Amino acid sequence: MANHKSALKRVRANEAKRLRNRYQHKTTRSMVRKLRDTDDKVTATDLYKKVSSALDKLAKRNIIHKNKASNLKSKLAKLVNKIA
């Protein structure tokens, strides 16, 4: 266990950040799933903007890799454009 006050604080802060990152990642994954299940063009377009923004935020904060975010956005854009 940590011996210094600052090390104890780091442990607390890291745990809080881990939980926040986990929550944001899980929420975004749920949004992606919801978008994939959507059949309505208008809803899909609106949801795509939100998902795209969320993926960019995750990539910016290094929660996911920037290339993963780009790949997901690309695949989802193709999916949205394919919806009749």
N, C-alpha and C. Protein backbone atom coordinates (compact mmCIF):
# COMPACT_ATOMS: atom_id res chain seq x y z
N MET A 1 0.84 -1.19 0.00
CA MET A 1 0.00 0.00 0.00
C MET A 1 0.88 1.24 0.00
N ALA A 2 0.28 2.36 -0.38
CA ALA A 2 1.01 3.62 -0.50
C ALA A 2 1.51 4.11 0.86
N ASN A 3 2.68 4.74 0.84
CA ASN A 3 3.28 5.23 2.07
C ASN A 3 3.15 6.74 2.25
N HIS A 4 2.91 7.47 1.18
CA HIS A 4 2.85 8.92 1.25
C HIS A 4 1.44 9.42 1.05
N LYS A 5 1.19 10.59 1.62
CA LYS A 5 -0.12 11.20 1.50
C LYS A 5 -0.48 11.43 0.03
N SER A 6 0.47 11.91 -0.74
CA SER A 6 0.22 12.20 -2.16
C SER A 6 -0.07 10.91 -2.93
N ALA A 7 0.59 9.82 -2.53
CA ALA A 7 0.36 8.54 -3.20
C ALA A 7 -1.05 8.03 -2.90
N LEU A 8 -1.51 8.25 -1.68
CA LEU A 8 -2.88 7.86 -1.32
C LEU A 8 -3.89 8.67 -2.13
N LYS A 9 -3.59 9.96 -2.30
CA LYS A 9 -4.47 10.81 -3.09
C LYS A 9 -4.51 10.34 -4.54
N ARG A 10 -3.35 9.96 -5.09
CA ARG A 10 -3.29 9.46 -6.46
C ARG A 10 -4.15 8.20 -6.61
N VAL A 11 -4.10 7.33 -5.61
CA VAL A 11 -4.91 6.10 -5.65
C VAL A 11 -6.39 6.45 -5.74
N ARG A 12 -6.80 7.40 -4.90
CA ARG A 12 -8.21 7.82 -4.91
C ARG A 12 -8.58 8.46 -6.25
N ALA A 13 -7.73 9.35 -6.73
CA ALA A 13 -8.01 10.05 -7.98
C ALA A 13 -8.05 9.08 -9.17
N ASN A 14 -7.11 8.15 -9.21
CA ASN A 14 -7.06 7.18 -10.31
C ASN A 14 -8.31 6.30 -10.33
N GLU A 15 -8.79 5.94 -9.17
CA GLU A 15 -10.01 5.11 -9.09
C GLU A 15 -11.21 5.89 -9.60
N ALA A 16 -11.30 7.16 -9.21
CA ALA A 16 -12.41 7.99 -9.67
C ALA A 16 -12.36 8.15 -11.20
N LYS A 17 -11.17 8.39 -11.73
CA LYS A 17 -11.02 8.55 -13.18
C LYS A 17 -11.34 7.25 -13.90
N ARG A 18 -10.92 6.13 -13.34
CA ARG A 18 -11.18 4.82 -13.95
C ARG A 18 -12.68 4.59 -14.07
N LEU A 19 -13.41 4.90 -12.99
CA LEU A 19 -14.86 4.70 -13.01
C LEU A 19 -15.54 5.63 -14.00
N ARG A 20 -15.07 6.87 -14.08
CA ARG A 20 -15.64 7.83 -15.02
C ARG A 20 -15.40 7.38 -16.45
N ASN A 21 -14.18 6.95 -16.75
CA ASN A 21 -13.84 6.47 -18.09
C ASN A 21 -14.68 5.25 -18.47
N ARG A 22 -14.83 4.36 -17.51
CA ARG A 22 -15.60 3.13 -17.74
C ARG A 22 -17.06 3.46 -18.06
N TYR A 23 -17.63 4.41 -17.30
CA TYR A 23 -19.01 4.82 -17.51
C TYR A 23 -19.18 5.44 -18.90
N GLN A 24 -18.27 6.34 -19.27
CA GLN A 24 -18.37 7.00 -20.57
C GLN A 24 -18.20 6.00 -21.72
N HIS A 25 -17.28 5.06 -21.56
CA HIS A 25 -17.05 4.05 -22.59
C HIS A 25 -18.28 3.17 -22.76
N LYS A 26 -18.84 2.73 -21.66
CA LYS A 26 -20.02 1.86 -21.70
C LYS A 26 -21.22 2.59 -22.29
N THR A 27 -21.39 3.85 -21.93
CA THR A 27 -22.50 4.64 -22.46
C THR A 27 -22.38 4.79 -23.97
N THR A 28 -21.17 5.05 -24.44
CA THR A 28 -20.96 5.21 -25.87
C THR A 28 -21.21 3.90 -26.61
N ARG A 29 -20.76 2.79 -26.04
CA ARG A 29 -21.01 1.49 -26.67
C ARG A 29 -22.50 1.21 -26.78
N SER A 30 -23.26 1.60 -25.74
CA SER A 30 -24.71 1.43 -25.78
C SER A 30 -25.34 2.28 -26.88
N MET A 31 -24.83 3.50 -27.03
CA MET A 31 -25.32 4.39 -28.08
C MET A 31 -25.04 3.80 -29.47
N VAL A 32 -23.87 3.20 -29.64
CA VAL A 32 -23.52 2.57 -30.92
C VAL A 32 -24.47 1.42 -31.21
N ARG A 33 -24.75 0.61 -30.20
CA ARG A 33 -25.68 -0.52 -30.37
C ARG A 33 -27.06 -0.02 -30.77
N LYS A 34 -27.50 1.05 -30.09
CA LYS A 34 -28.81 1.62 -30.37
C LYS A 34 -28.87 2.13 -31.81
N LEU A 35 -27.79 2.76 -32.26
CA LEU A 35 -27.73 3.25 -33.64
C LEU A 35 -27.79 2.11 -34.64
N ARG A 36 -27.09 1.03 -34.35
CA ARG A 36 -27.09 -0.12 -35.27
C ARG A 36 -28.47 -0.76 -35.38
N ASP A 37 -29.26 -0.67 -34.32
CA ASP A 37 -30.60 -1.27 -34.33
C ASP A 37 -31.66 -0.37 -34.95
N THR A 38 -31.32 0.89 -35.21
CA THR A 38 -32.29 1.85 -35.72
C THR A 38 -32.58 1.60 -37.20
N ASP A 39 -33.87 1.71 -37.56
CA ASP A 39 -34.28 1.54 -38.95
C ASP A 39 -34.73 2.86 -39.57
N ASP A 40 -34.99 3.87 -38.75
CA ASP A 40 -35.49 5.16 -39.23
C ASP A 40 -34.33 6.07 -39.62
N LYS A 41 -34.38 6.65 -40.82
CA LYS A 41 -33.29 7.47 -41.35
C LYS A 41 -33.07 8.73 -40.51
N VAL A 42 -34.15 9.41 -40.14
CA VAL A 42 -34.05 10.67 -39.39
C VAL A 42 -33.46 10.42 -38.01
N THR A 43 -33.96 9.40 -37.35
CA THR A 43 -33.45 9.05 -36.02
C THR A 43 -31.99 8.64 -36.08
N ALA A 44 -31.66 7.86 -37.09
CA ALA A 44 -30.28 7.37 -37.26
C ALA A 44 -29.33 8.54 -37.50
N THR A 45 -29.74 9.49 -38.31
CA THR A 45 -28.89 10.65 -38.61
C THR A 45 -28.65 11.47 -37.36
N ASP A 46 -29.71 11.69 -36.60
CA ASP A 46 -29.59 12.46 -35.36
C ASP A 46 -28.71 11.74 -34.34
N LEU A 47 -28.93 10.43 -34.22
CA LEU A 47 -28.16 9.63 -33.27
C LEU A 47 -26.71 9.52 -33.69
N TYR A 48 -26.46 9.49 -35.01
CA TYR A 48 -25.09 9.39 -35.51
C TYR A 48 -24.25 10.60 -35.06
N LYS A 49 -24.86 11.78 -35.09
CA LYS A 49 -24.14 12.99 -34.66
C LYS A 49 -23.71 12.87 -33.20
N LYS A 50 -24.61 12.37 -32.36
CA LYS A 50 -24.30 12.22 -30.93
C LYS A 50 -23.23 11.16 -30.71
N VAL A 51 -23.36 10.04 -31.40
CA VAL A 51 -22.39 8.95 -31.26
C VAL A 51 -21.01 9.40 -31.75
N SER A 52 -21.00 10.09 -32.87
CA SER A 52 -19.75 10.58 -33.43
C SER A 52 -19.04 11.52 -32.46
N SER A 53 -19.80 12.40 -31.86
CA SER A 53 -19.25 13.34 -30.88
C SER A 53 -18.70 12.59 -29.66
N ALA A 54 -19.45 11.61 -29.19
CA ALA A 54 -19.03 10.84 -28.02
C ALA A 54 -17.74 10.06 -28.32
N LEU A 55 -17.66 9.48 -29.52
CA LEU A 55 -16.45 8.74 -29.90
C LEU A 55 -15.24 9.66 -29.97
N ASP A 56 -15.46 10.86 -30.51
CA ASP A 56 -14.36 11.83 -30.58
C ASP A 56 -13.87 12.21 -29.19
N LYS A 57 -14.80 12.37 -28.26
CA LYS A 57 -14.43 12.73 -26.88
C LYS A 57 -13.64 11.60 -26.22
N LEU A 58 -14.07 10.36 -26.46
CA LEU A 58 -13.34 9.22 -25.90
C LEU A 58 -11.93 9.15 -26.46
N ALA A 59 -11.79 9.40 -27.75
CA ALA A 59 -10.47 9.36 -28.39
C ALA A 59 -9.60 10.50 -27.87
N LYS A 60 -10.19 11.67 -27.69
CA LYS A 60 -9.44 12.83 -27.22
C LYS A 60 -8.87 12.59 -25.82
N ARG A 61 -9.64 11.88 -25.01
CA ARG A 61 -9.22 11.60 -23.63
C ARG A 61 -8.45 10.29 -23.49
N ASN A 62 -8.09 9.68 -24.62
CA ASN A 62 -7.33 8.43 -24.64
C ASN A 62 -8.04 7.27 -23.94
N ILE A 63 -9.35 7.29 -23.95
CA ILE A 63 -10.11 6.16 -23.41
C ILE A 63 -10.15 5.06 -24.47
N ILE A 64 -10.29 5.47 -25.73
CA ILE A 64 -10.13 4.54 -26.84
C ILE A 64 -9.11 5.16 -27.81
N HIS A 65 -8.54 4.34 -28.67
CA HIS A 65 -7.55 4.82 -29.64
C HIS A 65 -8.24 5.64 -30.72
N LYS A 66 -7.55 6.65 -31.22
CA LYS A 66 -8.15 7.54 -32.21
C LYS A 66 -8.52 6.81 -33.50
N ASN A 67 -7.73 5.79 -33.86
CA ASN A 67 -8.06 5.03 -35.07
C ASN A 67 -9.31 4.17 -34.87
N LYS A 68 -9.49 3.66 -33.67
CA LYS A 68 -10.70 2.89 -33.37
C LYS A 68 -11.92 3.78 -33.50
N ALA A 69 -11.82 5.00 -32.98
CA ALA A 69 -12.93 5.94 -33.09
C ALA A 69 -13.23 6.24 -34.55
N SER A 70 -12.19 6.47 -35.34
CA SER A 70 -12.37 6.76 -36.76
C SER A 70 -13.00 5.59 -37.50
N ASN A 71 -12.53 4.39 -37.21
CA ASN A 71 -13.08 3.19 -37.86
C ASN A 71 -14.55 3.01 -37.52
N LEU A 72 -14.90 3.20 -36.25
CA LEU A 72 -16.30 3.06 -35.84
C LEU A 72 -17.17 4.11 -36.52
N LYS A 73 -16.69 5.36 -36.55
CA LYS A 73 -17.46 6.43 -37.18
C LYS A 73 -17.67 6.14 -38.66
N SER A 74 -16.65 5.62 -39.31
CA SER A 74 -16.75 5.31 -40.73
C SER A 74 -17.78 4.22 -40.99
N LYS A 75 -17.71 3.16 -40.21
CA LYS A 75 -18.66 2.06 -40.38
C LYS A 75 -20.09 2.50 -40.09
N LEU A 76 -20.25 3.32 -39.06
CA LEU A 76 -21.59 3.80 -38.70
C LEU A 76 -22.12 4.76 -39.76
N ALA A 77 -21.24 5.56 -40.35
CA ALA A 77 -21.68 6.48 -41.41
C ALA A 77 -22.18 5.68 -42.61
N LYS A 78 -21.46 4.62 -42.96
CA LYS A 78 -21.91 3.76 -44.07
C LYS A 78 -23.27 3.16 -43.75
N LEU A 79 -23.44 2.72 -42.52
CA LEU A 79 -24.70 2.11 -42.08
C LEU A 79 -25.84 3.11 -42.18
N VAL A 80 -25.61 4.34 -41.71
CA VAL A 80 -26.65 5.37 -41.74
C VAL A 80 -27.01 5.72 -43.19
N ASN A 81 -26.01 5.83 -44.05
CA ASN A 81 -26.27 6.16 -45.45
C ASN A 81 -27.00 5.05 -46.18
N LYS A 82 -26.82 3.82 -45.72
CA LYS A 82 -27.46 2.67 -46.37
C LYS A 82 -28.95 2.56 -46.02
N ILE A 83 -29.32 3.15 -44.87
CA ILE A 83 -30.73 3.07 -44.46
C ILE A 83 -31.59 3.83 -45.46
N ALA A 84 -32.63 3.16 -45.95
CA ALA A 84 -33.48 3.78 -46.98
C ALA A 84 -34.48 4.75 -46.39
